[in-house]
Amino acid sequence: MAKPQPVVPLERIANRIYLIRGEKVMLDHDLAELYGVQTKVLLQAVKRNIERFPDDFLFQFSKQELENWRSQIVTSNPTAKMGLRRPPYAFTELGVAMLSSVLGSKRAVQVNIAIMRAFVKLRQILASNRQLARKVQEHDRKIAILFDTVQKLLTPPEPPKKRPIGYIHHKD
C-alpha cells in the first residue's frame, strides 16, 4: 500500500526551521502560511490560549534579534524590511505541537503531523552527522598515527657514533 503524500513536503518545512537562542524554531508567519491562515489569526488563537504556551514553547524576538535576523537575510528591497513590522514569534517544537490543538482544523492537524515528522527527521540527520563526525575524528587520529610512523621510517637513522681507533688515555 502506498504511503499517503504529506500535506506539506518535508523540504518545505525543513527550510523553515531555524536555530535561534539555541533552539530549533519555526516563525509565526511561516507556520501561518503552512497552516493556510493569516499570521494574525494564528497569533489570536495563541493569545486566547496563552496558558498553553510557556516560554519553552514560544518566545518573541527582541528588537536586537530582529535586526540581526534582517542583516543576515539579503533582500533586494531594503526599505521593505522583509515585510516584518514587528518582531516575530518563534515556536519551539513543543509550541508547534500545541498549535494544532488551538487551531482545531483538519488541515492544522495534518500540517502538524508533517511538521513533527520534519523535526524528527532533522534530529535523525543531526544524530547521524554526529556519528559521522566521530568516525571521521577516529579515522583522522589513525591517519595521524600512520603518518607519524611513516615519517619516522623515512627519517634516516643517525649514523652510529664511531669509536676512536687506537689507545685512549683515561685520567684517573
N, C-alpha and C. Protein backbone atom coordinates (compact mmCIF):
# COMPACT_ATOMS: atom_id res chain seq x y z
N MET A 1 0.84 -1.18 0.00
CA MET A 1 0.00 0.00 0.00
C MET A 1 0.89 1.24 0.00
N ALA A 2 0.59 2.21 -0.85
CA ALA A 2 1.41 3.41 -0.98
C ALA A 2 1.21 4.32 0.23
N LYS A 3 2.32 4.93 0.62
CA LYS A 3 2.28 5.86 1.75
C LYS A 3 1.62 7.15 1.28
N PRO A 4 0.64 7.69 2.02
CA PRO A 4 -0.01 8.93 1.58
C PRO A 4 0.98 10.09 1.57
N GLN A 5 0.81 10.94 0.58
CA GLN A 5 1.68 12.12 0.45
C GLN A 5 1.34 13.12 1.55
N PRO A 6 2.35 13.73 2.17
CA PRO A 6 2.07 14.72 3.21
C PRO A 6 1.43 15.97 2.61
N VAL A 7 0.68 16.67 3.45
CA VAL A 7 0.03 17.90 3.02
C VAL A 7 1.06 18.92 2.59
N VAL A 8 2.19 18.96 3.30
CA VAL A 8 3.28 19.89 3.01
C VAL A 8 4.55 19.06 2.86
N PRO A 9 5.30 19.27 1.77
CA PRO A 9 6.55 18.50 1.59
C PRO A 9 7.55 18.77 2.71
N LEU A 10 8.27 17.72 3.09
CA LEU A 10 9.26 17.79 4.16
C LEU A 10 10.28 18.90 3.92
N GLU A 11 10.75 19.03 2.69
CA GLU A 11 11.77 20.04 2.38
C GLU A 11 11.25 21.46 2.64
N ARG A 12 9.98 21.67 2.33
CA ARG A 12 9.38 23.00 2.53
C ARG A 12 9.35 23.34 4.02
N ILE A 13 9.08 22.33 4.84
CA ILE A 13 9.06 22.55 6.29
C ILE A 13 10.49 22.72 6.80
N ALA A 14 11.38 21.84 6.39
CA ALA A 14 12.77 21.86 6.88
C ALA A 14 13.43 23.19 6.58
N ASN A 15 13.10 23.81 5.47
CA ASN A 15 13.67 25.11 5.10
C ASN A 15 13.17 26.24 5.99
N ARG A 16 12.17 25.96 6.81
CA ARG A 16 11.60 26.97 7.69
C ARG A 16 11.90 26.71 9.17
N ILE A 17 12.80 25.78 9.42
CA ILE A 17 13.22 25.52 10.80
C ILE A 17 14.56 26.22 11.00
N TYR A 18 14.61 27.09 12.00
CA TYR A 18 15.80 27.91 12.25
C TYR A 18 16.36 27.59 13.64
N LEU A 19 17.61 27.90 13.81
CA LEU A 19 18.24 27.77 15.13
C LEU A 19 18.37 29.17 15.72
N ILE A 20 17.57 29.45 16.74
CA ILE A 20 17.56 30.76 17.38
C ILE A 20 17.58 30.53 18.90
N ARG A 21 18.46 31.26 19.59
CA ARG A 21 18.65 31.10 21.04
C ARG A 21 18.97 29.64 21.40
N GLY A 22 19.64 28.96 20.50
CA GLY A 22 20.00 27.57 20.75
C GLY A 22 18.85 26.60 20.60
N GLU A 23 17.72 27.05 20.08
CA GLU A 23 16.53 26.21 19.91
C GLU A 23 16.19 26.10 18.43
N LYS A 24 15.69 24.93 18.03
CA LYS A 24 15.14 24.78 16.68
C LYS A 24 13.72 25.33 16.75
N VAL A 25 13.44 26.34 15.93
CA VAL A 25 12.14 27.01 15.99
C VAL A 25 11.58 27.23 14.59
N MET A 26 10.29 27.52 14.57
CA MET A 26 9.62 27.97 13.35
C MET A 26 8.97 29.30 13.66
N LEU A 27 8.96 30.20 12.68
CA LEU A 27 8.42 31.54 12.90
C LEU A 27 6.93 31.59 12.60
N ASP A 28 6.26 32.53 13.27
CA ASP A 28 4.81 32.64 13.17
C ASP A 28 4.32 32.78 11.73
N HIS A 29 4.97 33.62 10.92
CA HIS A 29 4.48 33.82 9.56
C HIS A 29 4.68 32.59 8.68
N ASP A 30 5.74 31.82 8.93
CA ASP A 30 5.95 30.57 8.19
C ASP A 30 4.89 29.54 8.58
N LEU A 31 4.62 29.44 9.87
CA LEU A 31 3.60 28.49 10.34
C LEU A 31 2.22 28.87 9.80
N ALA A 32 1.91 30.16 9.82
CA ALA A 32 0.62 30.61 9.31
C ALA A 32 0.46 30.22 7.84
N GLU A 33 1.53 30.40 7.07
CA GLU A 33 1.49 30.03 5.66
C GLU A 33 1.26 28.52 5.50
N LEU A 34 1.98 27.72 6.27
CA LEU A 34 1.83 26.26 6.18
C LEU A 34 0.44 25.81 6.61
N TYR A 35 -0.11 26.44 7.65
CA TYR A 35 -1.45 26.08 8.13
C TYR A 35 -2.56 26.67 7.26
N GLY A 36 -2.22 27.60 6.38
CA GLY A 36 -3.22 28.20 5.50
C GLY A 36 -4.09 29.23 6.18
N VAL A 37 -3.50 29.95 7.15
CA VAL A 37 -4.23 31.02 7.84
C VAL A 37 -3.38 32.28 7.83
N GLN A 38 -3.98 33.41 8.14
CA GLN A 38 -3.22 34.64 8.26
C GLN A 38 -2.44 34.60 9.58
N THR A 39 -1.31 35.30 9.58
CA THR A 39 -0.48 35.33 10.79
C THR A 39 -1.28 35.87 11.97
N LYS A 40 -2.07 36.91 11.74
CA LYS A 40 -2.82 37.49 12.86
C LYS A 40 -3.85 36.50 13.40
N VAL A 41 -4.42 35.64 12.56
CA VAL A 41 -5.37 34.64 13.02
C VAL A 41 -4.65 33.61 13.89
N LEU A 42 -3.47 33.18 13.46
CA LEU A 42 -2.67 32.23 14.22
C LEU A 42 -2.33 32.81 15.59
N LEU A 43 -1.86 34.07 15.60
CA LEU A 43 -1.47 34.70 16.87
C LEU A 43 -2.66 34.97 17.78
N GLN A 44 -3.84 35.27 17.20
CA GLN A 44 -5.04 35.45 18.03
C GLN A 44 -5.40 34.15 18.75
N ALA A 45 -5.30 33.04 18.02
CA ALA A 45 -5.59 31.73 18.63
C ALA A 45 -4.60 31.44 19.76
N VAL A 46 -3.35 31.80 19.55
CA VAL A 46 -2.33 31.58 20.58
C VAL A 46 -2.63 32.47 21.79
N LYS A 47 -2.92 33.74 21.56
CA LYS A 47 -3.16 34.67 22.67
C LYS A 47 -4.41 34.31 23.47
N ARG A 48 -5.42 33.73 22.78
CA ARG A 48 -6.61 33.27 23.50
C ARG A 48 -6.30 32.06 24.39
N ASN A 49 -5.21 31.35 24.07
CA ASN A 49 -4.83 30.15 24.80
C ASN A 49 -3.39 30.26 25.32
N ILE A 50 -3.02 31.44 25.74
CA ILE A 50 -1.63 31.72 26.08
C ILE A 50 -1.10 30.82 27.20
N GLU A 51 -2.00 30.34 28.09
CA GLU A 51 -1.56 29.45 29.17
C GLU A 51 -1.00 28.13 28.64
N ARG A 52 -1.28 27.81 27.39
CA ARG A 52 -0.75 26.59 26.76
C ARG A 52 0.64 26.80 26.15
N PHE A 53 1.14 28.04 26.20
CA PHE A 53 2.41 28.37 25.55
C PHE A 53 3.40 29.02 26.51
N PRO A 54 3.99 28.21 27.40
CA PRO A 54 5.01 28.77 28.29
C PRO A 54 6.26 29.17 27.48
N ASP A 55 7.21 29.77 28.16
CA ASP A 55 8.41 30.30 27.49
C ASP A 55 9.20 29.27 26.70
N ASP A 56 9.16 28.00 27.09
CA ASP A 56 9.90 27.00 26.33
C ASP A 56 9.11 26.48 25.13
N PHE A 57 7.89 27.02 24.92
CA PHE A 57 7.09 26.69 23.74
C PHE A 57 7.10 27.85 22.73
N LEU A 58 7.22 29.07 23.24
CA LEU A 58 7.03 30.26 22.40
C LEU A 58 7.80 31.43 22.98
N PHE A 59 8.48 32.19 22.10
CA PHE A 59 9.08 33.46 22.52
C PHE A 59 9.05 34.43 21.35
N GLN A 60 9.10 35.71 21.68
CA GLN A 60 9.12 36.74 20.65
C GLN A 60 10.54 37.27 20.50
N PHE A 61 10.93 37.54 19.26
CA PHE A 61 12.26 38.11 19.00
C PHE A 61 12.40 39.42 19.75
N SER A 62 13.59 39.68 20.27
CA SER A 62 13.89 41.00 20.80
C SER A 62 14.15 41.91 19.60
N LYS A 63 14.20 43.21 19.82
CA LYS A 63 14.48 44.13 18.71
C LYS A 63 15.86 43.86 18.12
N GLN A 64 16.83 43.54 18.99
CA GLN A 64 18.19 43.24 18.53
C GLN A 64 18.21 41.97 17.68
N GLU A 65 17.49 40.94 18.13
CA GLU A 65 17.42 39.70 17.35
C GLU A 65 16.78 39.95 15.99
N LEU A 66 15.76 40.81 15.97
CA LEU A 66 15.11 41.14 14.70
C LEU A 66 16.08 41.84 13.76
N GLU A 67 16.84 42.79 14.29
CA GLU A 67 17.83 43.49 13.45
C GLU A 67 18.89 42.52 12.94
N ASN A 68 19.37 41.63 13.82
CA ASN A 68 20.36 40.63 13.40
C ASN A 68 19.78 39.72 12.32
N TRP A 69 18.52 39.35 12.50
CA TRP A 69 17.85 38.48 11.53
C TRP A 69 17.77 39.18 10.17
N ARG A 70 17.38 40.43 10.20
CA ARG A 70 17.28 41.19 8.94
C ARG A 70 18.64 41.33 8.26
N SER A 71 19.70 41.54 9.06
CA SER A 71 21.02 41.74 8.47
C SER A 71 21.57 40.45 7.88
N GLN A 72 21.09 39.30 8.35
CA GLN A 72 21.56 38.03 7.82
C GLN A 72 20.89 37.65 6.51
N ILE A 73 19.71 38.21 6.26
CA ILE A 73 18.97 37.87 5.05
C ILE A 73 19.04 39.06 4.10
N VAL A 74 19.68 38.84 2.96
CA VAL A 74 19.85 39.90 1.98
C VAL A 74 18.58 39.99 1.14
N THR A 75 18.03 41.20 1.05
CA THR A 75 16.85 41.40 0.23
C THR A 75 17.15 42.44 -0.83
N SER A 76 16.42 42.38 -1.92
CA SER A 76 16.63 43.35 -2.99
C SER A 76 16.01 44.69 -2.66
N ASN A 77 15.08 44.73 -1.72
CA ASN A 77 14.40 45.96 -1.36
C ASN A 77 14.60 46.22 0.13
N PRO A 78 15.66 46.95 0.50
CA PRO A 78 15.92 47.17 1.92
C PRO A 78 14.85 47.97 2.64
N THR A 79 14.06 48.77 1.91
CA THR A 79 13.02 49.56 2.57
C THR A 79 11.84 48.69 3.00
N ALA A 80 11.71 47.50 2.40
CA ALA A 80 10.60 46.62 2.75
C ALA A 80 10.80 45.97 4.11
N LYS A 81 12.03 45.94 4.59
CA LYS A 81 12.38 45.34 5.89
C LYS A 81 11.80 43.93 6.00
N MET A 82 11.84 43.20 4.90
CA MET A 82 11.40 41.81 4.82
C MET A 82 9.93 41.66 5.20
N GLY A 83 9.15 42.71 5.12
CA GLY A 83 7.74 42.61 5.44
C GLY A 83 7.45 42.45 6.93
N LEU A 84 8.45 42.54 7.77
CA LEU A 84 8.24 42.37 9.21
C LEU A 84 8.07 43.74 9.86
N ARG A 85 6.87 43.99 10.36
CA ARG A 85 6.61 45.26 11.04
C ARG A 85 6.84 45.15 12.53
N ARG A 86 6.86 43.92 13.02
CA ARG A 86 7.04 43.68 14.45
C ARG A 86 7.91 42.44 14.61
N PRO A 87 8.56 42.31 15.75
CA PRO A 87 9.37 41.10 15.97
C PRO A 87 8.48 39.85 15.92
N PRO A 88 8.87 38.85 15.15
CA PRO A 88 8.02 37.66 15.03
C PRO A 88 8.09 36.79 16.29
N TYR A 89 7.12 35.93 16.41
CA TYR A 89 7.11 34.93 17.46
C TYR A 89 7.78 33.67 16.91
N ALA A 90 8.57 33.03 17.77
CA ALA A 90 9.24 31.79 17.40
C ALA A 90 8.64 30.67 18.24
N PHE A 91 8.22 29.60 17.56
CA PHE A 91 7.63 28.45 18.21
C PHE A 91 8.65 27.32 18.24
N THR A 92 8.93 26.79 19.44
CA THR A 92 9.79 25.62 19.54
C THR A 92 8.98 24.41 19.08
N GLU A 93 9.63 23.26 19.03
CA GLU A 93 8.93 22.04 18.62
C GLU A 93 7.70 21.79 19.50
N LEU A 94 7.84 22.04 20.80
CA LEU A 94 6.71 21.86 21.71
C LEU A 94 5.59 22.85 21.41
N GLY A 95 5.96 24.08 21.07
CA GLY A 95 4.96 25.08 20.72
C GLY A 95 4.22 24.74 19.44
N VAL A 96 4.97 24.21 18.48
CA VAL A 96 4.34 23.80 17.22
C VAL A 96 3.35 22.66 17.49
N ALA A 97 3.75 21.73 18.34
CA ALA A 97 2.86 20.62 18.68
C ALA A 97 1.57 21.13 19.32
N MET A 98 1.67 22.16 20.12
CA MET A 98 0.49 22.72 20.79
C MET A 98 -0.41 23.48 19.82
N LEU A 99 0.16 24.02 18.75
CA LEU A 99 -0.62 24.84 17.82
C LEU A 99 -1.82 24.11 17.24
N SER A 100 -1.66 22.86 16.87
CA SER A 100 -2.78 22.16 16.23
C SER A 100 -3.98 22.09 17.16
N SER A 101 -3.73 22.03 18.47
CA SER A 101 -4.85 21.96 19.41
C SER A 101 -5.59 23.30 19.52
N VAL A 102 -4.91 24.40 19.31
CA VAL A 102 -5.60 25.69 19.42
C VAL A 102 -6.20 26.13 18.09
N LEU A 103 -5.66 25.62 16.98
CA LEU A 103 -6.23 25.98 15.67
C LEU A 103 -7.44 25.11 15.36
N GLY A 104 -7.34 23.81 15.65
CA GLY A 104 -8.50 22.94 15.59
C GLY A 104 -9.01 22.51 14.23
N SER A 105 -8.38 22.89 13.13
CA SER A 105 -8.88 22.46 11.83
C SER A 105 -8.22 21.14 11.41
N LYS A 106 -8.84 20.43 10.45
CA LYS A 106 -8.25 19.19 9.94
C LYS A 106 -6.90 19.48 9.30
N ARG A 107 -6.81 20.58 8.57
CA ARG A 107 -5.53 20.94 7.93
C ARG A 107 -4.47 21.18 9.00
N ALA A 108 -4.84 21.83 10.09
CA ALA A 108 -3.87 22.10 11.16
C ALA A 108 -3.31 20.79 11.71
N VAL A 109 -4.16 19.80 11.86
CA VAL A 109 -3.70 18.50 12.37
C VAL A 109 -2.77 17.84 11.36
N GLN A 110 -3.16 17.86 10.08
CA GLN A 110 -2.33 17.24 9.04
C GLN A 110 -0.99 17.94 8.89
N VAL A 111 -1.00 19.27 8.89
CA VAL A 111 0.25 20.03 8.78
C VAL A 111 1.11 19.78 10.00
N ASN A 112 0.48 19.72 11.17
CA ASN A 112 1.21 19.48 12.40
C ASN A 112 1.91 18.13 12.37
N ILE A 113 1.27 17.12 11.86
CA ILE A 113 1.89 15.79 11.73
C ILE A 113 3.11 15.89 10.83
N ALA A 114 2.98 16.60 9.71
CA ALA A 114 4.10 16.76 8.78
C ALA A 114 5.26 17.52 9.45
N ILE A 115 4.94 18.54 10.23
CA ILE A 115 5.98 19.32 10.90
C ILE A 115 6.68 18.47 11.95
N MET A 116 5.93 17.70 12.73
CA MET A 116 6.54 16.84 13.74
C MET A 116 7.48 15.83 13.08
N ARG A 117 7.08 15.29 11.94
CA ARG A 117 7.95 14.37 11.21
C ARG A 117 9.22 15.07 10.73
N ALA A 118 9.10 16.33 10.34
CA ALA A 118 10.27 17.09 9.90
C ALA A 118 11.24 17.30 11.06
N PHE A 119 10.71 17.62 12.24
CA PHE A 119 11.58 17.78 13.42
C PHE A 119 12.29 16.46 13.75
N VAL A 120 11.57 15.35 13.68
CA VAL A 120 12.17 14.04 13.95
C VAL A 120 13.25 13.74 12.93
N LYS A 121 12.96 14.00 11.66
CA LYS A 121 13.95 13.74 10.59
C LYS A 121 15.19 14.60 10.81
N LEU A 122 14.99 15.85 11.20
CA LEU A 122 16.12 16.74 11.47
C LEU A 122 16.98 16.20 12.61
N ARG A 123 16.33 15.71 13.67
CA ARG A 123 17.08 15.11 14.78
C ARG A 123 17.87 13.89 14.32
N GLN A 124 17.27 13.07 13.47
CA GLN A 124 17.95 11.88 12.95
C GLN A 124 19.17 12.28 12.12
N ILE A 125 19.00 13.30 11.29
CA ILE A 125 20.12 13.77 10.46
C ILE A 125 21.24 14.29 11.33
N LEU A 126 20.89 15.09 12.34
CA LEU A 126 21.91 15.62 13.25
C LEU A 126 22.63 14.50 14.00
N ALA A 127 21.88 13.49 14.43
CA ALA A 127 22.49 12.36 15.15
C ALA A 127 23.43 11.60 14.22
N SER A 128 23.02 11.36 12.98
CA SER A 128 23.90 10.64 12.06
C SER A 128 25.12 11.48 11.71
N ASN A 129 24.95 12.79 11.65
CA ASN A 129 26.10 13.66 11.40
C ASN A 129 27.09 13.61 12.56
N ARG A 130 26.58 13.53 13.79
CA ARG A 130 27.46 13.41 14.95
C ARG A 130 28.23 12.10 14.90
N GLN A 131 27.53 11.02 14.54
CA GLN A 131 28.19 9.72 14.42
C GLN A 131 29.25 9.77 13.33
N LEU A 132 28.92 10.39 12.21
CA LEU A 132 29.87 10.51 11.11
C LEU A 132 31.08 11.34 11.56
N ALA A 133 30.83 12.42 12.30
CA ALA A 133 31.94 13.26 12.78
C ALA A 133 32.85 12.46 13.70
N ARG A 134 32.27 11.63 14.58
CA ARG A 134 33.09 10.79 15.46
C ARG A 134 33.93 9.81 14.64
N LYS A 135 33.32 9.21 13.62
CA LYS A 135 34.06 8.27 12.77
C LYS A 135 35.20 8.97 12.03
N VAL A 136 34.93 10.18 11.55
CA VAL A 136 35.96 10.95 10.85
C VAL A 136 37.09 11.30 11.81
N GLN A 137 36.76 11.71 13.03
CA GLN A 137 37.80 12.02 14.03
C GLN A 137 38.65 10.80 14.33
N GLU A 138 38.01 9.64 14.49
CA GLU A 138 38.76 8.41 14.76
C GLU A 138 39.65 8.07 13.56
N HIS A 139 39.10 8.23 12.37
CA HIS A 139 39.88 7.99 11.14
C HIS A 139 41.07 8.95 11.07
N ASP A 140 40.81 10.22 11.36
CA ASP A 140 41.89 11.22 11.34
C ASP A 140 42.98 10.87 12.36
N ARG A 141 42.57 10.39 13.54
CA ARG A 141 43.54 10.00 14.56
C ARG A 141 44.41 8.85 14.06
N LYS A 142 43.77 7.86 13.44
CA LYS A 142 44.52 6.72 12.91
C LYS A 142 45.46 7.15 11.78
N ILE A 143 44.99 8.05 10.94
CA ILE A 143 45.83 8.57 9.85
C ILE A 143 47.03 9.31 10.43
N ALA A 144 46.81 10.09 11.49
CA ALA A 144 47.92 10.83 12.12
C ALA A 144 48.96 9.87 12.68
N ILE A 145 48.49 8.80 13.31
CA ILE A 145 49.43 7.79 13.85
C ILE A 145 50.21 7.16 12.70
N LEU A 146 49.50 6.78 11.64
CA LEU A 146 50.14 6.19 10.47
C LEU A 146 51.15 7.15 9.85
N PHE A 147 50.77 8.42 9.73
CA PHE A 147 51.65 9.43 9.17
C PHE A 147 52.92 9.57 10.01
N ASP A 148 52.76 9.62 11.33
CA ASP A 148 53.93 9.73 12.23
C ASP A 148 54.84 8.51 12.07
N THR A 149 54.25 7.33 11.98
CA THR A 149 55.03 6.10 11.83
C THR A 149 55.80 6.12 10.51
N VAL A 150 55.14 6.49 9.43
CA VAL A 150 55.81 6.57 8.12
C VAL A 150 56.91 7.62 8.16
N GLN A 151 56.64 8.74 8.79
CA GLN A 151 57.64 9.81 8.90
C GLN A 151 58.89 9.31 9.62
N LYS A 152 58.68 8.55 10.68
CA LYS A 152 59.82 8.00 11.42
C LYS A 152 60.60 7.01 10.56
N LEU A 153 59.87 6.21 9.77
CA LEU A 153 60.54 5.24 8.90
C LEU A 153 61.32 5.92 7.78
N LEU A 154 60.83 7.05 7.31
CA LEU A 154 61.50 7.77 6.22
C LEU A 154 62.69 8.59 6.70
N THR A 155 62.70 8.92 7.97
CA THR A 155 63.81 9.69 8.52
C THR A 155 65.01 8.76 8.66
N PRO A 156 66.12 9.12 7.98
CA PRO A 156 67.29 8.23 8.09
C PRO A 156 67.81 8.21 9.52
N PRO A 157 68.27 7.03 9.94
CA PRO A 157 68.78 6.96 11.31
C PRO A 157 70.08 7.73 11.44
N GLU A 158 70.32 8.20 12.62
CA GLU A 158 71.58 8.90 12.86
C GLU A 158 72.71 7.88 12.72
N PRO A 159 73.82 8.31 12.09
CA PRO A 159 74.92 7.36 11.96
C PRO A 159 75.45 7.00 13.34
N PRO A 160 75.84 5.73 13.50
CA PRO A 160 76.32 5.32 14.81
C PRO A 160 77.61 6.07 15.16
N LYS A 161 77.76 6.34 16.42
CA LYS A 161 78.97 7.03 16.86
C LYS A 161 80.15 6.07 16.70
N LYS A 162 81.17 6.57 16.04
CA LYS A 162 82.35 5.74 15.80
C LYS A 162 83.26 5.83 17.02
N ARG A 163 83.75 4.68 17.36
CA ARG A 163 84.72 4.65 18.45
C ARG A 163 86.09 4.98 17.86
N PRO A 164 86.82 5.81 18.56
CA PRO A 164 88.14 6.14 18.03
C PRO A 164 89.05 4.89 18.01
N ILE A 165 89.82 4.85 16.99
CA ILE A 165 90.75 3.73 16.85
C ILE A 165 92.03 4.08 17.62
N GLY A 166 92.55 3.09 18.29
CA GLY A 166 93.80 3.31 19.00
C GLY A 166 93.62 3.38 20.49
N TYR A 167 94.69 3.84 21.13
CA TYR A 167 94.76 3.89 22.56
C TYR A 167 94.11 5.16 23.07
N ILE A 168 93.20 5.04 24.07
CA ILE A 168 92.55 6.20 24.70
C ILE A 168 93.08 6.26 26.11
N HIS A 169 93.65 7.40 26.42
CA HIS A 169 94.23 7.60 27.73
C HIS A 169 93.16 8.19 28.65
N HIS A 170 92.87 7.48 29.76
CA HIS A 170 91.91 7.98 30.74
C HIS A 170 92.67 8.54 31.89
N LYS A 171 92.30 9.70 32.33
CA LYS A 171 92.92 10.30 33.51
C LYS A 171 92.18 9.85 34.73
N ASP A 172 92.91 9.36 35.70
CA ASP A 172 92.29 8.93 36.94
C ASP A 172 92.50 9.95 38.01
